[in-house]
Amino acid sequence: MYKNKRLSVTIFLIIFIMLSVNIVNAEEEIVVEWQKTYGKELLDTASDFTRTIGGGYLIIGTHRDNYQSPNKIIWLIKISEDGTMIWNQTYIGNSDSMGYGISQTSDLGYILVAEQTETKGPDDWPPDLWLIKTDSIGNIEWNKTYGGDDIDECYRVIQTNDAGYLAVGGSCSYAIGGRDGWILKTDSNGEELWNKSFGGLSYDVFSEVKQLIDSSILLAGTSITDNKKDFWFIKTDKNGNISWEKTYDKGHDETLNSFIQTIDAGYLLIGKRIEYYGDDSDAYIIKTDSEGNEIWNQTYGGSKSEGFTTADITSDGGYIFTGYTFTNSNGSMDLWVVKTDEEGNKQWEKTVGGEDMDSGGKILQTDDEGYIITGYTKSYGAGNEDIWVLKLNKNSTINNEPDKPEKNGKEKSKGIPGFLLTTVIIAIAILIFINKKKKIS
């Protein structure tokens, strides 16, 4: 009798463990709730997107309409919470134009940062920084170009605490070396107040900017020294005078794409690294304190190339990243999402994509604790390359490919309900057999 009881307990424990494993797996499954592409037959790319006051999102990118018009134009798209296009606007420069960054302004309008060529002469080169201020539905209120005699580009723009604007990128016109990190400050009407360059004798560029409550400015990008790329992080006062400057020399090539402020008043620097020249890249992050001093770093990747583009803080205090992966892709490259805890330890990852090149650009956590991602796709959509927006919810499995819900590009489920059912049936049968045996004896 004691043996039968012990056997029954053992079977119960097996069933409990199998149920627990499947419940955990089910909780870790992440669904693509909806996916949408935006574009026509040629090139459509997204460079930045932001939440808008009152709901929805705004995307800035670049659009090429047809083969007869080879020049690129800036494309601004307002979408609802479910990805439905509400309105869109295009902005055409003298020649090629490319949209890079977007921020909503205090008057509920928007400030766009872009580049425009053919402002210095008839040769379509070099490009200038272009700022465009719009109202709440994308109608231009003013636009201005800035720069010297060489290449001057900016990739991000913010409204500053004094209601002016600050754009950051790279400049050859004002560089000490080949190209320097560059910031340009304007008043609320776009009139230039000052511009400053930062860097050494090689190549330096800023890719992200934020302003703190005390009006100090944080600049992050990539600096090249001795033919090696490093993460680069600078804090200045409101006038662009350096308070501190950090580079993170790991002996490898590291490229910084973005950064976020963390809940402990520190920062998370986001990008990729190549350990040895000619190797594939890995996604790479560095966590710092409020003074830019490194606390820890983490590397993520497989046997091929990976990289992170952006991240957001999640409701549990961890981080959500997006970027690209070649290692676990369905085709040549897939969009990649990685969730970590507050110390950068990976909790789960997902890849989404088709047979061609697909990548994530920016990710935000939504109010329902899901995630919204913008990127680009060559696998789906109408043309060579389309803007791609995906909404992930917290639990479940991949639902469908963009614009192809009936074909359902599903990932494999992490749950194993068939195996679980079989286990339960076998366990019940064993218990019945034991009970019958007990009655006979």
Protein backbone atom coordinates (compact mmCIF):
# COMPACT_ATOMS: atom_id res chain seq x y z
CA MET A 1 0.00 0.00 0.00
CA TYR A 2 2.85 2.35 0.86
CA LYS A 3 4.45 1.66 -2.55
CA ASN A 4 1.17 2.43 -4.33
CA LYS A 5 0.81 5.69 -2.42
CA ARG A 6 4.39 6.67 -3.26
CA LEU A 7 3.78 5.87 -6.94
CA SER A 8 0.61 7.99 -6.92
CA VAL A 9 2.51 10.94 -5.42
CA THR A 10 5.25 10.55 -8.02
CA ILE A 11 2.72 10.58 -10.88
CA PHE A 12 1.02 13.64 -9.38
CA LEU A 13 4.35 15.47 -9.24
CA ILE A 14 5.08 14.59 -12.87
CA ILE A 15 1.70 15.97 -13.96
CA PHE A 16 2.26 19.14 -11.88
CA ILE A 17 5.69 19.73 -13.39
CA MET A 18 4.38 19.24 -16.95
CA LEU A 19 1.53 21.66 -16.29
CA SER A 20 3.95 24.23 -14.80
CA VAL A 21 6.33 24.00 -17.77
CA ASN A 22 3.49 24.58 -20.22
CA ILE A 23 2.01 27.44 -18.20
CA VAL A 24 5.43 29.18 -18.14
CA ASN A 25 5.84 28.59 -21.86
CA ALA A 26 2.37 29.97 -22.57
CA GLU A 27 3.13 33.08 -20.53
CA GLU A 28 6.32 33.68 -22.50
CA GLU A 29 4.64 33.54 -25.89
CA ILE A 30 4.42 36.92 -27.59
CA VAL A 31 1.93 37.69 -30.33
CA VAL A 32 2.11 39.93 -33.34
CA GLU A 33 -1.37 41.34 -32.75
CA TRP A 34 -1.36 43.28 -36.02
CA GLN A 35 1.12 44.25 -38.73
CA LYS A 36 0.85 46.87 -41.43
CA THR A 37 3.01 48.08 -44.28
CA TYR A 38 3.01 51.54 -45.82
CA GLY A 39 4.42 52.30 -49.24
CA LYS A 40 4.27 51.90 -52.98
CA GLU A 41 6.33 50.01 -55.53
CA LEU A 42 9.71 51.62 -54.84
CA LEU A 43 11.53 52.78 -51.71
CA ASP A 44 9.74 53.64 -48.46
CA THR A 45 11.72 53.71 -45.22
CA ALA A 46 10.99 54.83 -41.64
CA SER A 47 13.69 56.63 -39.67
CA ASP A 48 11.87 57.61 -36.48
CA PHE A 49 8.49 57.51 -34.81
CA THR A 50 6.91 58.96 -31.68
CA ARG A 51 3.74 58.79 -29.60
CA THR A 52 1.43 61.73 -30.13
CA ILE A 53 -0.56 63.57 -27.48
CA GLY A 54 -4.15 62.36 -27.66
CA GLY A 55 -3.22 58.93 -29.00
CA GLY A 56 -1.67 57.38 -32.07
CA TYR A 57 1.81 57.61 -33.51
CA LEU A 58 3.74 59.68 -36.02
CA ILE A 59 6.27 58.18 -38.43
CA ILE A 60 8.90 60.07 -40.42
CA GLY A 61 10.74 58.51 -43.30
CA THR A 62 11.67 58.72 -46.95
CA HIS A 63 9.56 57.95 -50.00
CA ARG A 64 10.35 57.47 -53.67
CA ASP A 65 7.19 57.50 -55.72
CA ASN A 66 8.04 56.19 -59.19
CA TYR A 67 10.79 55.39 -61.65
CA GLN A 68 10.17 58.61 -63.60
CA SER A 69 10.93 60.68 -60.49
CA PRO A 70 14.21 59.36 -59.07
CA ASN A 71 14.45 61.91 -56.26
CA LYS A 72 13.53 60.93 -52.72
CA ILE A 73 11.06 62.98 -50.68
CA ILE A 74 10.20 63.19 -46.98
CA TRP A 75 7.12 61.28 -45.83
CA LEU A 76 5.20 61.98 -42.61
CA ILE A 77 2.48 59.50 -41.56
CA LYS A 78 0.01 59.75 -38.67
CA ILE A 79 -1.47 56.39 -37.61
CA SER A 80 -4.04 55.37 -35.01
CA GLU A 81 -3.48 52.94 -32.14
CA ASP A 82 -4.38 50.04 -34.47
CA GLY A 83 -2.12 51.20 -37.31
CA THR A 84 -4.80 52.78 -39.49
CA MET A 85 -3.40 55.71 -41.48
CA ILE A 86 -5.15 58.92 -40.40
CA TRP A 87 -3.26 61.33 -42.65
CA ASN A 88 0.05 61.68 -44.45
CA GLN A 89 2.11 64.52 -45.85
CA THR A 90 5.10 64.68 -48.19
CA TYR A 91 7.75 67.40 -48.33
CA ILE A 92 9.75 67.96 -51.50
CA GLY A 93 13.09 69.72 -51.50
CA ASN A 94 15.13 71.09 -54.38
CA SER A 95 16.47 67.63 -55.14
CA ASP A 96 16.97 64.53 -52.97
CA SER A 97 15.53 64.86 -49.45
CA MET A 98 15.52 62.34 -46.60
CA GLY A 99 13.54 62.46 -43.35
CA TYR A 100 15.36 61.43 -40.16
CA GLY A 101 13.85 62.57 -36.85
CA ILE A 102 10.57 63.81 -35.37
CA SER A 103 9.38 65.35 -32.08
CA GLN A 104 6.02 66.72 -31.04
CA THR A 105 6.09 70.35 -29.94
CA SER A 106 4.34 72.16 -27.10
CA ASP A 107 1.75 73.65 -29.49
CA LEU A 108 0.82 70.07 -30.59
CA GLY A 109 2.59 70.53 -33.89
CA TYR A 110 5.80 68.77 -34.95
CA ILE A 111 9.45 69.53 -35.64
CA LEU A 112 11.09 67.42 -38.35
CA VAL A 113 14.80 67.05 -39.05
CA ALA A 114 15.88 66.06 -42.55
CA GLU A 115 18.52 66.59 -45.19
CA GLN A 116 18.19 68.39 -48.49
CA THR A 117 20.66 68.51 -51.38
CA GLU A 118 21.11 71.15 -54.08
CA THR A 119 20.99 74.02 -51.62
CA LYS A 120 24.61 75.03 -52.25
CA GLY A 121 24.73 74.60 -56.00
CA PRO A 122 23.51 72.63 -59.02
CA ASP A 123 25.46 69.42 -58.32
CA ASP A 124 23.03 67.85 -55.81
CA TRP A 125 25.80 67.70 -53.24
CA PRO A 126 26.66 68.12 -50.44
CA PRO A 127 23.49 67.89 -48.29
CA ASP A 128 22.37 70.44 -45.71
CA LEU A 129 20.44 70.11 -42.48
CA TRP A 130 16.75 70.90 -43.04
CA LEU A 131 14.31 71.74 -40.22
CA ILE A 132 10.56 71.76 -40.91
CA LYS A 133 8.00 73.00 -38.38
CA THR A 134 4.41 71.88 -38.96
CA ASP A 135 1.02 72.21 -37.33
CA SER A 136 -0.88 69.26 -35.83
CA ILE A 137 -1.78 67.79 -39.24
CA GLY A 138 1.58 68.25 -40.93
CA ASN A 139 1.03 71.59 -42.72
CA ILE A 140 4.30 73.54 -42.95
CA GLU A 141 4.56 76.63 -40.72
CA TRP A 142 8.21 77.32 -41.53
CA ASN A 143 11.25 75.51 -42.88
CA LYS A 144 14.94 76.43 -42.94
CA THR A 145 18.22 74.90 -44.08
CA TYR A 146 21.55 75.16 -42.23
CA GLY A 147 25.15 74.30 -42.98
CA GLY A 148 28.45 75.30 -44.51
CA ASP A 149 30.23 74.38 -47.71
CA ASP A 150 30.50 70.64 -47.02
CA ILE A 151 28.31 67.80 -45.71
CA ASP A 152 26.11 68.78 -42.74
CA GLU A 153 23.47 66.30 -41.57
CA CYS A 154 21.41 65.82 -38.42
CA TYR A 155 19.49 62.72 -37.41
CA ARG A 156 17.54 63.73 -34.31
CA VAL A 157 15.78 66.90 -33.14
CA ILE A 158 14.11 67.89 -29.87
CA GLN A 159 12.25 70.92 -28.60
CA THR A 160 14.30 72.45 -25.80
CA ASN A 161 13.07 73.78 -22.47
CA ASP A 162 13.19 77.37 -23.79
CA ALA A 163 10.80 76.42 -26.68
CA GLY A 164 13.62 76.43 -29.22
CA TYR A 165 15.06 73.40 -31.01
CA LEU A 166 18.23 71.35 -30.92
CA ALA A 167 19.35 69.11 -33.80
CA VAL A 168 22.28 66.69 -33.67
CA GLY A 169 24.28 64.74 -36.23
CA GLY A 170 27.57 65.19 -38.03
CA SER A 171 29.33 67.95 -39.93
CA CYS A 172 32.26 68.19 -42.31
CA SER A 173 31.89 71.95 -42.79
CA TYR A 174 32.69 72.74 -39.15
CA ALA A 175 34.89 69.73 -38.35
CA ILE A 176 38.32 69.62 -36.79
CA GLY A 177 38.85 66.16 -38.29
CA GLY A 178 37.25 64.50 -41.26
CA ARG A 179 33.79 64.72 -39.68
CA ASP A 180 32.72 65.83 -36.22
CA GLY A 181 29.70 65.41 -34.02
CA TRP A 182 27.57 68.52 -34.56
CA ILE A 183 24.77 70.23 -32.65
CA LEU A 184 22.74 73.21 -33.81
CA LYS A 185 20.52 75.36 -31.55
CA THR A 186 17.70 77.57 -32.83
CA ASP A 187 15.00 79.73 -31.31
CA SER A 188 11.30 78.90 -31.61
CA ASN A 189 11.19 80.34 -35.15
CA GLY A 190 14.13 78.33 -36.41
CA GLU A 191 16.65 81.18 -36.30
CA GLU A 192 20.10 79.79 -35.57
CA LEU A 193 21.48 80.81 -32.17
CA TRP A 194 24.67 78.76 -32.20
CA ASN A 195 26.25 75.54 -33.46
CA LYS A 196 29.13 73.50 -32.07
CA SER A 197 31.33 70.64 -33.21
CA PHE A 198 32.86 67.92 -31.03
CA GLY A 199 35.42 65.28 -31.90
CA GLY A 200 38.97 64.42 -32.85
CA LEU A 201 40.91 64.05 -36.07
CA SER A 202 38.91 61.21 -37.55
CA TYR A 203 35.16 60.48 -37.78
CA ASP A 204 32.67 61.36 -35.04
CA VAL A 205 28.87 61.57 -35.20
CA PHE A 206 25.94 62.02 -32.81
CA SER A 207 22.92 59.77 -33.27
CA GLU A 208 20.76 60.73 -30.26
CA VAL A 209 20.04 63.73 -28.00
CA LYS A 210 18.01 64.39 -24.85
CA GLN A 211 17.59 67.39 -22.56
CA LEU A 212 17.23 67.05 -18.79
CA ILE A 213 15.00 69.08 -16.49
CA ASP A 214 17.94 71.33 -15.53
CA SER A 215 18.38 72.11 -19.29
CA SER A 216 21.66 70.21 -19.55
CA ILE A 217 22.08 68.28 -22.80
CA LEU A 218 23.02 64.63 -23.34
CA LEU A 219 24.65 63.65 -26.65
CA ALA A 220 25.44 60.10 -27.72
CA GLY A 221 27.05 58.66 -30.82
CA THR A 222 30.12 56.96 -32.23
CA SER A 223 33.73 58.16 -32.23
CA ILE A 224 36.57 56.70 -34.28
CA THR A 225 40.08 56.68 -32.82
CA ASP A 226 43.00 54.75 -34.35
CA ASN A 227 40.61 53.24 -36.92
CA LYS A 228 38.44 51.79 -34.15
CA LYS A 229 34.84 52.76 -33.31
CA ASP A 230 33.75 53.42 -29.73
CA PHE A 231 30.53 54.36 -27.96
CA TRP A 232 30.68 58.11 -27.22
CA PHE A 233 28.67 59.95 -24.55
CA ILE A 234 28.77 63.66 -23.65
CA LYS A 235 26.93 65.88 -21.19
CA THR A 236 26.90 69.65 -21.76
CA ASP A 237 25.23 72.65 -20.19
CA LYS A 238 22.37 74.36 -22.02
CA ASN A 239 24.86 76.31 -24.14
CA GLY A 240 26.76 73.27 -25.35
CA ASN A 241 29.75 73.58 -22.99
CA ILE A 242 31.04 70.13 -22.00
CA SER A 243 30.40 68.98 -18.41
CA TRP A 244 31.82 65.50 -18.96
CA GLU A 245 32.75 63.26 -21.88
CA LYS A 246 33.09 59.48 -22.00
CA THR A 247 34.28 56.96 -24.57
CA TYR A 248 34.10 53.25 -23.86
CA ASP A 249 37.18 51.62 -25.38
CA LYS A 250 36.66 47.86 -25.46
CA GLY A 251 39.38 47.11 -27.97
CA HIS A 252 36.76 46.29 -30.61
CA ASP A 253 34.47 48.14 -33.03
CA GLU A 254 31.33 49.42 -31.29
CA THR A 255 28.64 51.53 -32.99
CA LEU A 256 26.09 53.39 -30.86
CA ASN A 257 22.60 53.82 -32.31
CA SER A 258 20.59 55.28 -29.41
CA PHE A 259 20.31 55.64 -25.65
CA ILE A 260 17.61 55.91 -22.98
CA GLN A 261 17.52 57.27 -19.46
CA THR A 262 16.87 54.56 -16.86
CA ILE A 263 14.71 54.66 -13.73
CA ASP A 264 17.79 54.98 -11.46
CA ALA A 265 18.80 58.22 -13.29
CA GLY A 266 21.50 56.39 -15.20
CA TYR A 267 21.61 55.61 -18.91
CA LEU A 268 21.53 52.64 -21.26
CA LEU A 269 23.64 52.91 -24.42
CA ILE A 270 22.46 50.72 -27.30
CA GLY A 271 24.12 49.46 -30.47
CA LYS A 272 26.36 46.69 -31.77
CA ARG A 273 29.95 45.47 -31.57
CA ILE A 274 32.41 43.54 -33.73
CA GLU A 275 35.02 41.69 -31.71
CA TYR A 276 37.54 41.19 -34.49
CA TYR A 277 37.86 42.87 -37.86
CA GLY A 278 35.85 40.99 -40.47
CA ASP A 279 33.72 39.16 -37.89
CA ASP A 280 29.94 39.32 -37.63
CA SER A 281 28.46 41.82 -35.19
CA ASP A 282 26.66 41.22 -31.89
CA ALA A 283 24.05 43.42 -30.24
CA TYR A 284 25.69 45.34 -27.42
CA ILE A 285 24.57 47.57 -24.51
CA ILE A 286 26.34 49.51 -21.76
CA LYS A 287 24.63 50.57 -18.52
CA THR A 288 26.03 53.71 -16.87
CA ASP A 289 25.37 55.79 -13.80
CA SER A 290 24.22 59.42 -13.96
CA GLU A 291 27.78 60.58 -14.69
CA GLY A 292 28.31 58.21 -17.60
CA ASN A 293 30.50 55.77 -15.66
CA GLU A 294 30.03 52.20 -16.84
CA ILE A 295 28.28 49.84 -14.41
CA TRP A 296 27.88 46.78 -16.63
CA ASN A 297 27.64 45.70 -20.25
CA GLN A 298 25.97 42.84 -22.08
CA THR A 299 26.39 41.23 -25.49
CA TYR A 300 23.68 39.32 -27.38
CA GLY A 301 24.01 37.29 -30.53
CA GLY A 302 24.55 34.03 -32.31
CA SER A 303 26.73 32.67 -35.06
CA LYS A 304 25.89 35.49 -37.51
CA SER A 305 25.33 39.26 -37.35
CA GLU A 306 22.94 40.96 -34.92
CA GLY A 307 22.42 44.52 -33.74
CA PHE A 308 20.10 46.63 -31.57
CA THR A 309 18.70 49.92 -32.83
CA THR A 310 16.55 51.17 -29.92
CA ALA A 311 15.10 50.17 -26.53
CA ASP A 312 12.42 51.16 -24.06
CA ILE A 313 11.94 50.67 -20.32
CA THR A 314 9.23 48.13 -19.50
CA SER A 315 6.65 48.17 -16.71
CA ASP A 316 8.57 45.52 -14.73
CA GLY A 317 11.73 47.65 -14.66
CA GLY A 318 13.47 45.71 -17.42
CA TYR A 319 14.15 46.62 -21.05
CA ILE A 320 12.75 45.77 -24.47
CA PHE A 321 15.04 45.99 -27.51
CA THR A 322 14.54 45.77 -31.25
CA GLY A 323 16.95 45.46 -34.14
CA TYR A 324 17.91 42.74 -36.58
CA THR A 325 19.24 39.19 -36.61
CA PHE A 326 20.77 36.97 -39.27
CA THR A 327 21.27 33.97 -36.95
CA ASN A 328 17.68 32.84 -36.40
CA SER A 329 16.06 34.44 -39.43
CA ASN A 330 13.45 32.92 -41.72
CA GLY A 331 15.21 34.55 -44.67
CA SER A 332 18.38 36.58 -44.92
CA MET A 333 17.60 38.99 -42.04
CA ASP A 334 14.67 39.28 -39.63
CA LEU A 335 13.30 41.81 -37.19
CA TRP A 336 14.49 40.90 -33.70
CA VAL A 337 12.92 41.64 -30.30
CA VAL A 338 14.73 40.89 -27.02
CA LYS A 339 13.32 41.32 -23.49
CA THR A 340 15.70 41.56 -20.52
CA ASP A 341 15.50 42.20 -16.80
CA GLU A 342 16.92 45.38 -15.23
CA GLU A 343 20.46 43.96 -15.34
CA GLY A 344 20.31 43.03 -19.00
CA ASN A 345 19.78 39.29 -18.51
CA LYS A 346 17.77 37.93 -21.42
CA GLN A 347 14.26 36.74 -20.56
CA TRP A 348 12.97 35.99 -24.05
CA GLU A 349 13.50 36.85 -27.69
CA LYS A 350 11.42 36.76 -30.88
CA THR A 351 12.20 37.01 -34.58
CA VAL A 352 9.61 38.09 -37.15
CA GLY A 353 10.10 38.20 -40.90
CA GLY A 354 9.82 36.60 -44.29
CA GLU A 355 12.17 35.39 -46.98
CA ASP A 356 13.91 38.74 -47.59
CA MET A 357 15.43 41.53 -45.47
CA ASP A 358 13.36 42.76 -42.50
CA SER A 359 14.48 44.85 -39.53
CA GLY A 360 13.22 46.69 -36.46
CA GLY A 361 13.94 50.38 -36.07
CA LYS A 362 12.25 51.73 -32.94
CA ILE A 363 10.25 50.06 -30.14
CA LEU A 364 7.96 51.43 -27.42
CA GLN A 365 5.95 49.71 -24.72
CA THR A 366 2.22 50.41 -25.07
CA ASP A 367 -0.35 51.15 -22.36
CA ASP A 368 -1.58 47.52 -22.44
CA GLU A 369 2.01 46.35 -21.73
CA GLY A 370 2.45 45.18 -25.29
CA TYR A 371 4.94 46.67 -27.73
CA ILE A 372 4.81 48.68 -30.94
CA ILE A 373 7.70 48.52 -33.40
CA THR A 374 8.49 50.40 -36.57
CA GLY A 375 11.00 49.17 -39.11
CA TYR A 376 11.30 48.18 -42.73
CA THR A 377 10.44 45.10 -44.73
CA LYS A 378 11.44 43.72 -48.10
CA SER A 379 9.48 40.50 -47.55
CA TYR A 380 6.03 42.06 -47.43
CA GLY A 381 4.19 45.11 -48.72
CA ALA A 382 3.84 46.74 -52.11
CA GLY A 383 7.35 47.48 -53.22
CA ASN A 384 11.08 47.02 -52.97
CA GLU A 385 11.19 48.24 -49.37
CA ASP A 386 8.23 49.35 -47.26
CA ILE A 387 7.67 50.91 -43.87
CA TRP A 388 6.58 48.19 -41.43
CA VAL A 389 4.72 48.66 -38.14
CA LEU A 390 3.97 45.76 -35.78
CA LYS A 391 1.98 45.61 -32.55
CA LEU A 392 2.97 42.83 -30.16
CA ASN A 393 0.77 41.91 -27.25
CA LYS A 394 1.86 40.27 -24.05
CA ASN A 395 0.89 36.64 -24.62
CA SER A 396 0.09 34.18 -27.45
CA THR A 397 1.70 33.35 -30.82
CA ILE A 398 2.43 34.94 -34.19
CA ASN A 399 -0.84 35.68 -35.93
CA ASN A 400 -0.25 36.77 -39.51
CA GLU A 401 2.02 38.32 -42.06
CA PRO A 402 1.35 41.93 -43.00
CA ASP A 403 -1.50 42.20 -45.50
CA LYS A 404 -1.65 38.38 -45.68
CA PRO A 405 -3.79 37.32 -42.70
CA GLU A 406 -5.03 34.24 -44.50
CA LYS A 407 -1.49 32.88 -44.97
CA ASN A 408 -0.54 33.25 -41.33
CA GLY A 409 3.28 33.40 -41.06
CA LYS A 410 3.37 31.64 -37.73
CA GLU A 411 6.22 30.96 -35.37
CA LYS A 412 6.37 27.65 -33.61
CA SER A 413 4.38 27.65 -30.40
CA LYS A 414 6.44 27.29 -27.25
CA GLY A 415 3.61 25.47 -25.52
CA ILE A 416 3.23 21.70 -26.11
CA PRO A 417 -0.47 21.04 -25.51
CA GLY A 418 -0.49 17.75 -27.47
CA PHE A 419 2.29 16.31 -25.37
CA LEU A 420 0.68 17.63 -22.19
CA LEU A 421 -2.66 15.99 -23.03
CA THR A 422 -0.95 12.69 -23.76
CA THR A 423 0.93 12.86 -20.44
CA VAL A 424 -2.25 13.54 -18.48
CA ILE A 425 -4.14 10.66 -20.18
CA ILE A 426 -1.32 8.19 -19.49
CA ALA A 427 -1.08 9.34 -15.85
CA ILE A 428 -4.85 8.93 -15.33
CA ALA A 429 -4.73 5.47 -16.91
CA ILE A 430 -1.93 4.46 -14.52
CA LEU A 431 -3.90 5.73 -11.51
CA ILE A 432 -7.00 3.79 -12.61
CA PHE A 433 -4.88 0.66 -13.06
CA ILE A 434 -3.42 1.09 -9.56
CA ASN A 435 -6.84 1.56 -8.00
CA LYS A 436 -8.19 -1.55 -9.75
CA LYS A 437 -5.18 -3.54 -8.61
CA LYS A 438 -5.76 -2.37 -5.06
CA LYS A 439 -9.41 -3.52 -5.20
CA ILE A 440 -8.46 -6.96 -6.56
CA SER A 441 -5.84 -7.47 -3.88
